Amino acid sequence: MLARRNADRAGDGQMRASPSS
């Protein structure tokens, strides 16, 4: 969960589109 939030903060839209978290 935290990793997903961190990615969003970094502006990583790619990770956000990946429901692999």
N, C-alpha and C. Protein backbone atom coordinates (compact mmCIF):
# COMPACT_ATOMS: atom_id res chain seq x y z
N MET A 1 0.85 -1.21 0.00
CA MET A 1 0.00 0.00 0.00
C MET A 1 0.88 1.25 0.00
N LEU A 2 1.84 1.28 0.90
CA LEU A 2 2.72 2.46 0.98
C LEU A 2 3.50 2.63 -0.32
N ALA A 3 3.95 1.52 -0.88
CA ALA A 3 4.73 1.60 -2.12
C ALA A 3 3.89 2.25 -3.22
N ARG A 4 2.63 1.90 -3.25
CA ARG A 4 1.75 2.46 -4.30
C ARG A 4 1.62 3.98 -4.09
N ARG A 5 1.50 4.39 -2.86
CA ARG A 5 1.35 5.82 -2.58
C ARG A 5 2.65 6.56 -2.95
N ASN A 6 3.75 5.93 -2.64
CA ASN A 6 5.05 6.53 -2.93
C ASN A 6 5.20 6.73 -4.44
N ALA A 7 4.79 5.74 -5.20
CA ALA A 7 4.90 5.82 -6.66
C ALA A 7 4.07 6.98 -7.18
N ASP A 8 2.89 7.14 -6.63
CA ASP A 8 2.00 8.22 -7.08
C ASP A 8 2.64 9.57 -6.77
N ARG A 9 3.28 9.63 -5.63
CA ARG A 9 3.90 10.89 -5.22
C ARG A 9 5.06 11.23 -6.17
N ALA A 10 5.76 10.22 -6.62
CA ALA A 10 6.89 10.43 -7.52
C ALA A 10 6.39 10.77 -8.92
N GLY A 11 5.10 10.60 -9.15
CA GLY A 11 4.54 10.92 -10.46
C GLY A 11 4.73 9.77 -11.43
N ASP A 12 4.75 8.56 -10.90
CA ASP A 12 4.96 7.39 -11.76
C ASP A 12 3.60 6.84 -12.21
N GLY A 13 3.03 7.41 -13.22
CA GLY A 13 1.73 6.96 -13.70
C GLY A 13 1.78 5.52 -14.18
N GLN A 14 2.96 5.10 -14.64
CA GLN A 14 3.08 3.74 -15.15
C GLN A 14 2.78 2.72 -14.04
N MET A 15 3.36 2.95 -12.88
CA MET A 15 3.15 2.00 -11.78
C MET A 15 1.69 2.06 -11.33
N ARG A 16 1.13 3.23 -11.37
CA ARG A 16 -0.26 3.39 -10.93
C ARG A 16 -1.19 2.57 -11.85
N ALA A 17 -0.88 2.52 -13.11
CA ALA A 17 -1.72 1.78 -14.05
C ALA A 17 -1.50 0.28 -13.88
N SER A 18 -0.45 -0.08 -13.19
CA SER A 18 -0.15 -1.50 -12.99
C SER A 18 -0.70 -1.99 -11.65
N PRO A 19 -1.76 -2.77 -11.66
CA PRO A 19 -2.35 -3.29 -10.42
C PRO A 19 -1.53 -4.43 -9.84
N SER A 20 -0.21 -4.32 -9.95
CA SER A 20 0.66 -5.39 -9.45
C SER A 20 1.04 -5.14 -8.00
N SER A 21 0.65 -3.99 -7.50
CA SER A 21 1.01 -3.63 -6.13
C SER A 21 0.32 -4.60 -5.17
